[in-house]
All heavy atoms as atom14 arrays in JSON, in Angstrom:
{
  "sequence": "EATRLHNDANILAMGARVVGPGLANKIVDTFLDTEFSGVERHK",
  "atom14_mask": [
    [1, 1, 1, 1, 1, 1, 1, 1, 1, 0, 0, 0, 0, 0],
    [1, 1, 1, 1, 1, 0, 0, 0, 0, 0, 0, 0, 0, 0],
    [1, 1, 1, 1, 1, 1, 1, 0, 0, 0, 0, 0, 0, 0],
    [1, 1, 1, 1, 1, 1, 1, 1, 1, 1, 1, 0, 0, 0],
    [1, 1, 1, 1, 1, 1, 1, 1, 0, 0, 0, 0, 0, 0],
    [1, 1, 1, 1, 1, 1, 1, 1, 1, 1, 0, 0, 0, 0],
    [1, 1, 1, 1, 1, 1, 1, 1, 0, 0, 0, 0, 0, 0],
    [1, 1, 1, 1, 1, 1, 1, 1, 0, 0, 0, 0, 0, 0],
    [1, 1, 1, 1, 1, 0, 0, 0, 0, 0, 0, 0, 0, 0],
    [1, 1, 1, 1, 1, 1, 1, 1, 0, 0, 0, 0, 0, 0],
    [1, 1, 1, 1, 1, 1, 1, 1, 0, 0, 0, 0, 0, 0],
    [1, 1, 1, 1, 1, 1, 1, 1, 0, 0, 0, 0, 0, 0],
    [1, 1, 1, 1, 1, 0, 0, 0, 0, 0, 0, 0, 0, 0],
    [1, 1, 1, 1, 1, 1, 1, 1, 0, 0, 0, 0, 0, 0],
    [1, 1, 1, 1, 0, 0, 0, 0, 0, 0, 0, 0, 0, 0],
    [1, 1, 1, 1, 1, 0, 0, 0, 0, 0, 0, 0, 0, 0],
    [1, 1, 1, 1, 1, 1, 1, 1, 1, 1, 1, 0, 0, 0],
    [1, 1, 1, 1, 1, 1, 1, 0, 0, 0, 0, 0, 0, 0],
    [1, 1, 1, 1, 1, 1, 1, 0, 0, 0, 0, 0, 0, 0],
    [1, 1, 1, 1, 0, 0, 0, 0, 0, 0, 0, 0, 0, 0],
    [1, 1, 1, 1, 1, 1, 1, 0, 0, 0, 0, 0, 0, 0],
    [1, 1, 1, 1, 0, 0, 0, 0, 0, 0, 0, 0, 0, 0],
    [1, 1, 1, 1, 1, 1, 1, 1, 0, 0, 0, 0, 0, 0],
    [1, 1, 1, 1, 1, 0, 0, 0, 0, 0, 0, 0, 0, 0],
    [1, 1, 1, 1, 1, 1, 1, 1, 0, 0, 0, 0, 0, 0],
    [1, 1, 1, 1, 1, 1, 1, 1, 1, 0, 0, 0, 0, 0],
    [1, 1, 1, 1, 1, 1, 1, 1, 0, 0, 0, 0, 0, 0],
    [1, 1, 1, 1, 1, 1, 1, 0, 0, 0, 0, 0, 0, 0],
    [1, 1, 1, 1, 1, 1, 1, 1, 0, 0, 0, 0, 0, 0],
    [1, 1, 1, 1, 1, 1, 1, 0, 0, 0, 0, 0, 0, 0],
    [1, 1, 1, 1, 1, 1, 1, 1, 1, 1, 1, 0, 0, 0],
    [1, 1, 1, 1, 1, 1, 1, 1, 0, 0, 0, 0, 0, 0],
    [1, 1, 1, 1, 1, 1, 1, 1, 0, 0, 0, 0, 0, 0],
    [1, 1, 1, 1, 1, 1, 1, 0, 0, 0, 0, 0, 0, 0],
    [1, 1, 1, 1, 1, 1, 1, 1, 1, 0, 0, 0, 0, 0],
    [1, 1, 1, 1, 1, 1, 1, 1, 1, 1, 1, 0, 0, 0],
    [1, 1, 1, 1, 1, 1, 0, 0, 0, 0, 0, 0, 0, 0],
    [1, 1, 1, 1, 0, 0, 0, 0, 0, 0, 0, 0, 0, 0],
    [1, 1, 1, 1, 1, 1, 1, 0, 0, 0, 0, 0, 0, 0],
    [1, 1, 1, 1, 1, 1, 1, 1, 1, 0, 0, 0, 0, 0],
    [1, 1, 1, 1, 1, 1, 1, 1, 1, 1, 1, 0, 0, 0],
    [1, 1, 1, 1, 1, 1, 1, 1, 1, 1, 0, 0, 0, 0],
    [1, 1, 1, 1, 1, 1, 1, 1, 1, 0, 0, 0, 0, 0]
  ],
  "atom14_positions": [
    [[0.81, -1.22, 0.01], [0.0, 0.0, -0.02], [0.86, 1.24, -0.01], [0.64, 2.14, -0.76], [-0.97, 0.01, 1.2], [-1.82, 1.24, 1.25], [-2.7, 1.27, 2.48], [-2.33, 0.79, 3.54], [-3.88, 1.71, 2.34], [0.0, 0.0, 0.0], [0.0, 0.0, 0.0], [0.0, 0.0, 0.0], [0.0, 0.0, 0.0], [0.0, 0.0, 0.0]],
    [[1.87, 1.28, 0.86], [2.78, 2.47, 0.96], [3.51, 2.72, -0.34], [3.59, 3.93, -0.73], [3.7, 2.33, 2.13], [0.0, 0.0, 0.0], [0.0, 0.0, 0.0], [0.0, 0.0, 0.0], [0.0, 0.0, 0.0], [0.0, 0.0, 0.0], [0.0, 0.0, 0.0], [0.0, 0.0, 0.0], [0.0, 0.0, 0.0], [0.0, 0.0, 0.0]],
    [[3.95, 1.76, -0.96], [4.73, 1.98, -2.19], [3.9, 2.49, -3.34], [4.34, 3.17, -4.23], [5.53, 0.69, -2.61], [6.58, 1.09, -3.55], [4.66, -0.32, -3.32], [0.0, 0.0, 0.0], [0.0, 0.0, 0.0], [0.0, 0.0, 0.0], [0.0, 0.0, 0.0], [0.0, 0.0, 0.0], [0.0, 0.0, 0.0], [0.0, 0.0, 0.0]],
    [[2.58, 2.14, -3.32], [1.69, 2.71, -4.33], [1.32, 4.15, -3.94], [1.35, 5.06, -4.75], [0.37, 1.85, -4.41], [0.57, 0.57, -5.16], [0.85, 0.72, -6.63], [-0.19, 1.56, -7.23], [0.03, 2.57, -8.05], [1.26, 2.88, -8.43], [-0.96, 3.24, -8.57], [0.0, 0.0, 0.0], [0.0, 0.0, 0.0], [0.0, 0.0, 0.0]],
    [[0.97, 4.37, -2.66], [0.62, 5.69, -2.21], [1.72, 6.72, -2.34], [1.47, 7.83, -2.79], [0.11, 5.66, -0.77], [-1.25, 5.01, -0.4], [-1.4, 4.84, 1.05], [-2.36, 5.87, -1.03], [0.0, 0.0, 0.0], [0.0, 0.0, 0.0], [0.0, 0.0, 0.0], [0.0, 0.0, 0.0], [0.0, 0.0, 0.0], [0.0, 0.0, 0.0]],
    [[2.89, 6.33, -1.94], [3.98, 7.31, -1.81], [4.96, 7.24, -2.96], [5.53, 8.32, -3.32], [4.79, 7.06, -0.54], [3.96, 7.2, 0.69], [4.56, 7.14, 1.91], [2.7, 7.45, 0.96], [3.66, 7.33, 2.88], [2.48, 7.49, 2.25], [0.0, 0.0, 0.0], [0.0, 0.0, 0.0], [0.0, 0.0, 0.0], [0.0, 0.0, 0.0]],
    [[5.19, 6.12, -3.6], [6.24, 5.96, -4.61], [5.69, 5.82, -6.04], [6.44, 5.73, -6.98], [7.19, 4.77, -4.29], [7.69, 4.8, -2.93], [7.45, 3.81, -2.18], [8.36, 5.83, -2.49], [0.0, 0.0, 0.0], [0.0, 0.0, 0.0], [0.0, 0.0, 0.0], [0.0, 0.0, 0.0], [0.0, 0.0, 0.0], [0.0, 0.0, 0.0]],
    [[4.35, 5.61, -6.14], [3.69, 5.32, -7.42], [4.44, 4.11, -8.08], [4.71, 4.16, -9.31], [3.73, 6.53, -8.31], [2.69, 6.47, -9.46], [1.81, 5.6, -9.4], [2.86, 7.21, -10.42], [0.0, 0.0, 0.0], [0.0, 0.0, 0.0], [0.0, 0.0, 0.0], [0.0, 0.0, 0.0], [0.0, 0.0, 0.0], [0.0, 0.0, 0.0]],
    [[4.78, 3.12, -7.32], [5.44, 1.93, -7.88], [4.56, 1.29, -8.98], [3.37, 1.23, -8.8], [5.75, 0.94, -6.78], [0.0, 0.0, 0.0], [0.0, 0.0, 0.0], [0.0, 0.0, 0.0], [0.0, 0.0, 0.0], [0.0, 0.0, 0.0], [0.0, 0.0, 0.0], [0.0, 0.0, 0.0], [0.0, 0.0, 0.0], [0.0, 0.0, 0.0]],
    [[5.24, 0.94, -10.06], [4.52, 0.29, -11.12], [4.78, -1.16, -11.29], [4.12, -1.84, -12.13], [4.71, 1.07, -12.47], [6.15, 1.37, -12.76], [7.12, 0.77, -12.17], [6.38, 2.36, -13.64], [0.0, 0.0, 0.0], [0.0, 0.0, 0.0], [0.0, 0.0, 0.0], [0.0, 0.0, 0.0], [0.0, 0.0, 0.0], [0.0, 0.0, 0.0]],
    [[5.65, -1.69, -10.5], [5.9, -3.14, -10.43], [5.99, -3.58, -8.99], [6.71, -3.0, -8.2], [7.17, -3.56, -11.17], [7.09, -3.23, -12.69], [7.5, -5.03, -10.97], [8.26, -3.62, -13.51], [0.0, 0.0, 0.0], [0.0, 0.0, 0.0], [0.0, 0.0, 0.0], [0.0, 0.0, 0.0], [0.0, 0.0, 0.0], [0.0, 0.0, 0.0]],
    [[5.26, -4.64, -8.66], [5.33, -5.34, -7.42], [6.25, -6.54, -7.59], [6.08, -7.35, -8.52], [3.96, -5.83, -7.01], [3.87, -6.86, -5.88], [4.36, -6.29, -4.54], [2.48, -7.39, -5.75], [0.0, 0.0, 0.0], [0.0, 0.0, 0.0], [0.0, 0.0, 0.0], [0.0, 0.0, 0.0], [0.0, 0.0, 0.0], [0.0, 0.0, 0.0]],
    [[7.21, -6.68, -6.71], [8.12, -7.85, -6.74], [7.94, -8.61, -5.42], [7.8, -7.97, -4.35], [9.54, -7.44, -6.86], [0.0, 0.0, 0.0], [0.0, 0.0, 0.0], [0.0, 0.0, 0.0], [0.0, 0.0, 0.0], [0.0, 0.0, 0.0], [0.0, 0.0, 0.0], [0.0, 0.0, 0.0], [0.0, 0.0, 0.0], [0.0, 0.0, 0.0]],
    [[7.87, -9.94, -5.55], [7.7, -10.76, -4.37], [8.7, -11.95, -4.44], [9.06, -12.36, -5.52], [6.29, -11.29, -4.29], [5.26, -10.23, -4.06], [3.54, -10.91, -3.73], [3.23, -11.53, -5.41], [0.0, 0.0, 0.0], [0.0, 0.0, 0.0], [0.0, 0.0, 0.0], [0.0, 0.0, 0.0], [0.0, 0.0, 0.0], [0.0, 0.0, 0.0]],
    [[8.96, -12.5, -3.23], [9.81, -13.66, -3.19], [8.97, -14.9, -2.85], [8.27, -14.97, -1.82], [0.0, 0.0, 0.0], [0.0, 0.0, 0.0], [0.0, 0.0, 0.0], [0.0, 0.0, 0.0], [0.0, 0.0, 0.0], [0.0, 0.0, 0.0], [0.0, 0.0, 0.0], [0.0, 0.0, 0.0], [0.0, 0.0, 0.0], [0.0, 0.0, 0.0]],
    [[9.1, -15.9, -3.72], [8.32, -17.12, -3.54], [8.84, -17.91, -2.35], [8.1, -18.71, -1.78], [8.42, -18.0, -4.83], [0.0, 0.0, 0.0], [0.0, 0.0, 0.0], [0.0, 0.0, 0.0], [0.0, 0.0, 0.0], [0.0, 0.0, 0.0], [0.0, 0.0, 0.0], [0.0, 0.0, 0.0], [0.0, 0.0, 0.0], [0.0, 0.0, 0.0]],
    [[10.05, -17.62, -1.96], [10.62, -18.33, -0.77], [10.4, -17.48, 0.48], [10.8, -17.84, 1.62], [12.13, -18.53, -0.93], [12.43, -19.49, -2.1], [13.91, -19.65, -2.34], [14.11, -20.58, -3.45], [15.07, -20.43, -4.34], [15.9, -19.41, -4.27], [15.21, -21.28, -5.33], [0.0, 0.0, 0.0], [0.0, 0.0, 0.0], [0.0, 0.0, 0.0]],
    [[9.62, -16.38, 0.34], [9.4, -15.43, 1.47], [7.95, -15.43, 1.84], [7.63, -15.42, 3.04], [9.86, -14.03, 1.08], [9.61, -13.06, 2.2], [11.38, -13.99, 0.69], [0.0, 0.0, 0.0], [0.0, 0.0, 0.0], [0.0, 0.0, 0.0], [0.0, 0.0, 0.0], [0.0, 0.0, 0.0], [0.0, 0.0, 0.0], [0.0, 0.0, 0.0]],
    [[7.06, -15.38, 0.87], [5.62, -15.34, 1.12], [4.91, -16.58, 0.48], [5.33, -17.04, -0.56], [4.96, -14.01, 0.56], [5.56, -12.84, 1.24], [5.04, -13.93, -0.98], [0.0, 0.0, 0.0], [0.0, 0.0, 0.0], [0.0, 0.0, 0.0], [0.0, 0.0, 0.0], [0.0, 0.0, 0.0], [0.0, 0.0, 0.0], [0.0, 0.0, 0.0]],
    [[3.85, -16.98, 1.13], [3.03, -18.1, 0.62], [1.98, -17.54, -0.29], [1.73, -16.3, -0.35], [0.0, 0.0, 0.0], [0.0, 0.0, 0.0], [0.0, 0.0, 0.0], [0.0, 0.0, 0.0], [0.0, 0.0, 0.0], [0.0, 0.0, 0.0], [0.0, 0.0, 0.0], [0.0, 0.0, 0.0], [0.0, 0.0, 0.0], [0.0, 0.0, 0.0]],
    [[1.2, -18.41, -0.98], [0.15, -18.02, -1.93], [-0.93, -17.1, -1.29], [-1.32, -16.17, -1.93], [-0.44, -19.3, -2.43], [0.63, -20.33, -2.16], [1.37, -19.88, -0.9], [0.0, 0.0, 0.0], [0.0, 0.0, 0.0], [0.0, 0.0, 0.0], [0.0, 0.0, 0.0], [0.0, 0.0, 0.0], [0.0, 0.0, 0.0], [0.0, 0.0, 0.0]],
    [[-1.37, -17.42, -0.12], [-2.43, -16.64, 0.52], [-2.01, -15.23, 0.75], [-2.75, -14.31, 0.35], [0.0, 0.0, 0.0], [0.0, 0.0, 0.0], [0.0, 0.0, 0.0], [0.0, 0.0, 0.0], [0.0, 0.0, 0.0], [0.0, 0.0, 0.0], [0.0, 0.0, 0.0], [0.0, 0.0, 0.0], [0.0, 0.0, 0.0], [0.0, 0.0, 0.0]],
    [[-0.88, -15.05, 1.39], [-0.38, -13.69, 1.58], [-0.04, -13.0, 0.28], [-0.28, -11.8, 0.12], [0.85, -13.75, 2.52], [1.51, -12.39, 2.87], [0.51, -11.38, 3.41], [2.68, -12.6, 3.77], [0.0, 0.0, 0.0], [0.0, 0.0, 0.0], [0.0, 0.0, 0.0], [0.0, 0.0, 0.0], [0.0, 0.0, 0.0], [0.0, 0.0, 0.0]],
    [[0.56, -13.72, -0.66], [0.94, -13.13, -1.98], [-0.3, -12.56, -2.62], [-0.2, -11.45, -3.13], [1.57, -14.13, -2.8], [0.0, 0.0, 0.0], [0.0, 0.0, 0.0], [0.0, 0.0, 0.0], [0.0, 0.0, 0.0], [0.0, 0.0, 0.0], [0.0, 0.0, 0.0], [0.0, 0.0, 0.0], [0.0, 0.0, 0.0], [0.0, 0.0, 0.0]],
    [[-1.38, -13.28, -2.58], [-2.62, -12.73, -3.24], [-3.18, -11.52, -2.5], [-3.66, -10.58, -3.18], [-3.66, -13.83, -3.38], [-3.28, -14.89, -4.41], [-2.52, -14.59, -5.36], [-3.76, -16.1, -4.24], [0.0, 0.0, 0.0], [0.0, 0.0, 0.0], [0.0, 0.0, 0.0], [0.0, 0.0, 0.0], [0.0, 0.0, 0.0], [0.0, 0.0, 0.0]],
    [[-3.04, -11.44, -1.22], [-3.48, -10.25, -0.49], [-2.56, -9.09, -0.84], [-3.05, -7.93, -0.98], [-3.44, -10.51, 1.03], [-4.57, -11.43, 1.46], [-4.44, -11.72, 2.96], [-5.54, -12.7, 3.39], [-5.43, -13.05, 4.78], [0.0, 0.0, 0.0], [0.0, 0.0, 0.0], [0.0, 0.0, 0.0], [0.0, 0.0, 0.0], [0.0, 0.0, 0.0]],
    [[-1.27, -9.32, -0.94], [-0.34, -8.27, -1.37], [-0.63, -7.83, -2.75], [-0.65, -6.62, -3.02], [1.11, -8.78, -1.21], [1.48, -9.05, 0.21], [2.09, -7.79, -1.87], [2.82, -9.79, 0.38], [0.0, 0.0, 0.0], [0.0, 0.0, 0.0], [0.0, 0.0, 0.0], [0.0, 0.0, 0.0], [0.0, 0.0, 0.0], [0.0, 0.0, 0.0]],
    [[-0.9, -8.7, -3.68], [-1.29, -8.36, -5.03], [-2.54, -7.49, -5.07], [-2.57, -6.45, -5.68], [-1.49, -9.62, -5.89], [-2.23, -9.3, -7.22], [-0.19, -10.33, -6.18], [0.0, 0.0, 0.0], [0.0, 0.0, 0.0], [0.0, 0.0, 0.0], [0.0, 0.0, 0.0], [0.0, 0.0, 0.0], [0.0, 0.0, 0.0], [0.0, 0.0, 0.0]],
    [[-3.57, -7.88, -4.28], [-4.79, -7.1, -4.21], [-4.53, -5.71, -3.71], [-5.01, -4.71, -4.24], [-5.84, -7.76, -3.3], [-6.44, -9.01, -3.96], [-6.28, -9.21, -5.16], [-7.08, -9.76, -3.17], [0.0, 0.0, 0.0], [0.0, 0.0, 0.0], [0.0, 0.0, 0.0], [0.0, 0.0, 0.0], [0.0, 0.0, 0.0], [0.0, 0.0, 0.0]],
    [[-3.73, -5.59, -2.64], [-3.4, -4.26, -2.08], [-2.68, -3.43, -3.1], [-3.02, -2.25, -3.31], [-2.58, -4.44, -0.77], [-3.3, -5.26, 0.1], [-2.26, -3.1, -0.2], [0.0, 0.0, 0.0], [0.0, 0.0, 0.0], [0.0, 0.0, 0.0], [0.0, 0.0, 0.0], [0.0, 0.0, 0.0], [0.0, 0.0, 0.0], [0.0, 0.0, 0.0]],
    [[-1.72, -3.99, -3.75], [-0.92, -3.26, -4.75], [-1.8, -2.8, -5.93], [-1.73, -1.64, -6.33], [0.22, -4.12, -5.26], [1.1, -3.49, -6.24], [2.15, -2.68, -5.84], [0.98, -3.69, -7.61], [3.03, -2.04, -6.73], [1.82, -3.04, -8.5], [2.82, -2.22, -8.11], [0.0, 0.0, 0.0], [0.0, 0.0, 0.0], [0.0, 0.0, 0.0]],
    [[-2.65, -3.65, -6.43], [-3.43, -3.31, -7.59], [-4.58, -2.37, -7.21], [-5.0, -1.55, -8.03], [-4.01, -4.55, -8.23], [-2.95, -5.54, -8.85], [-3.68, -6.76, -9.38], [-2.16, -4.82, -9.92], [0.0, 0.0, 0.0], [0.0, 0.0, 0.0], [0.0, 0.0, 0.0], [0.0, 0.0, 0.0], [0.0, 0.0, 0.0], [0.0, 0.0, 0.0]],
    [[-5.13, -2.45, -6.05], [-6.27, -1.64, -5.63], [-5.95, -0.27, -5.03], [-6.86, 0.52, -4.79], [-7.12, -2.41, -4.65], [-7.74, -3.67, -5.27], [-7.8, -3.76, -6.5], [-8.19, -4.56, -4.5], [0.0, 0.0, 0.0], [0.0, 0.0, 0.0], [0.0, 0.0, 0.0], [0.0, 0.0, 0.0], [0.0, 0.0, 0.0], [0.0, 0.0, 0.0]],
    [[-4.66, 0.0, -4.84], [-4.24, 1.27, -4.23], [-3.71, 2.21, -5.32], [-2.87, 1.78, -6.16], [-3.08, 1.05, -3.2], [-3.61, 0.09, -2.21], [-2.69, 2.33, -2.55], [0.0, 0.0, 0.0], [0.0, 0.0, 0.0], [0.0, 0.0, 0.0], [0.0, 0.0, 0.0], [0.0, 0.0, 0.0], [0.0, 0.0, 0.0], [0.0, 0.0, 0.0]],
    [[-4.22, 3.38, -5.33], [-3.77, 4.39, -6.3], [-2.74, 5.29, -5.67], [-2.66, 5.47, -4.45], [-4.99, 5.26, -6.79], [-6.0, 4.42, -7.62], [-5.48, 3.83, -8.87], [-4.59, 4.43, -9.53], [-5.84, 2.74, -9.26], [0.0, 0.0, 0.0], [0.0, 0.0, 0.0], [0.0, 0.0, 0.0], [0.0, 0.0, 0.0], [0.0, 0.0, 0.0]],
    [[-1.92, 5.9, -6.51], [-0.97, 6.91, -6.06], [-1.69, 8.07, -5.46], [-2.69, 8.53, -5.97], [-0.12, 7.4, -7.28], [0.9, 8.43, -6.94], [1.8, 8.27, -5.89], [0.95, 9.57, -7.64], [2.76, 9.23, -5.64], [1.9, 10.58, -7.39], [2.8, 10.37, -6.37], [0.0, 0.0, 0.0], [0.0, 0.0, 0.0], [0.0, 0.0, 0.0]],
    [[-1.21, 8.52, -4.3], [-1.9, 9.58, -3.55], [-1.9, 10.95, -4.29], [-2.84, 11.71, -4.08], [-1.23, 9.75, -2.17], [0.02, 10.34, -2.3], [0.0, 0.0, 0.0], [0.0, 0.0, 0.0], [0.0, 0.0, 0.0], [0.0, 0.0, 0.0], [0.0, 0.0, 0.0], [0.0, 0.0, 0.0], [0.0, 0.0, 0.0], [0.0, 0.0, 0.0]],
    [[-0.86, 11.19, -5.03], [-0.79, 12.45, -5.68], [-0.4, 13.61, -4.84], [-0.35, 14.77, -5.28], [0.0, 0.0, 0.0], [0.0, 0.0, 0.0], [0.0, 0.0, 0.0], [0.0, 0.0, 0.0], [0.0, 0.0, 0.0], [0.0, 0.0, 0.0], [0.0, 0.0, 0.0], [0.0, 0.0, 0.0], [0.0, 0.0, 0.0], [0.0, 0.0, 0.0]],
    [[-0.2, 13.36, -3.57], [0.23, 14.44, -2.64], [1.51, 15.03, -3.17], [2.38, 14.36, -3.65], [0.42, 13.85, -1.19], [1.01, 14.92, -0.28], [-0.88, 13.3, -0.67], [0.0, 0.0, 0.0], [0.0, 0.0, 0.0], [0.0, 0.0, 0.0], [0.0, 0.0, 0.0], [0.0, 0.0, 0.0], [0.0, 0.0, 0.0], [0.0, 0.0, 0.0]],
    [[1.59, 16.36, -3.11], [2.68, 17.11, -3.7], [4.08, 16.58, -3.33], [4.97, 16.39, -4.17], [2.59, 18.61, -3.45], [3.65, 19.39, -4.08], [3.78, 19.25, -5.58], [2.79, 19.09, -6.28], [4.97, 19.23, -6.06], [0.0, 0.0, 0.0], [0.0, 0.0, 0.0], [0.0, 0.0, 0.0], [0.0, 0.0, 0.0], [0.0, 0.0, 0.0]],
    [[4.3, 16.3, -2.02], [5.62, 15.91, -1.56], [5.96, 14.54, -2.17], [7.13, 14.35, -2.53], [5.74, 15.95, -0.02], [4.98, 14.81, 0.7], [5.24, 14.88, 2.19], [4.52, 13.87, 2.9], [3.26, 13.89, 3.28], [2.54, 14.98, 3.02], [2.71, 12.89, 3.92], [0.0, 0.0, 0.0], [0.0, 0.0, 0.0], [0.0, 0.0, 0.0]],
    [[4.97, 13.63, -2.34], [5.22, 12.37, -2.95], [5.49, 12.51, -4.46], [6.39, 11.87, -5.05], [4.11, 11.4, -2.62], [3.9, 11.15, -1.19], [4.93, 10.75, -0.36], [2.8, 11.18, -0.43], [4.45, 10.59, 0.86], [3.18, 10.88, 0.8], [0.0, 0.0, 0.0], [0.0, 0.0, 0.0], [0.0, 0.0, 0.0], [0.0, 0.0, 0.0]],
    [[4.71, 13.35, -5.08], [4.87, 13.59, -6.5], [6.3, 14.16, -6.76], [6.96, 13.76, -7.7], [3.85, 14.55, -7.07], [3.91, 14.76, -8.59], [2.79, 15.71, -9.05], [2.85, 15.95, -10.51], [4.17, 16.07, -11.08], [0.0, 0.0, 0.0], [0.0, 0.0, 0.0], [0.0, 0.0, 0.0], [0.0, 0.0, 0.0], [0.0, 0.0, 0.0]]
  ]
}
């Protein structure tokens, strides 16, 4: 969420040896459903 809000990240990277499928899908949802905040300091 933070990397979308603050950094306008356009790629999510995950480690298959770090997160399992359930958590990975929640991370994907959060990344895809969060828009860049557009706040001036972040822009």
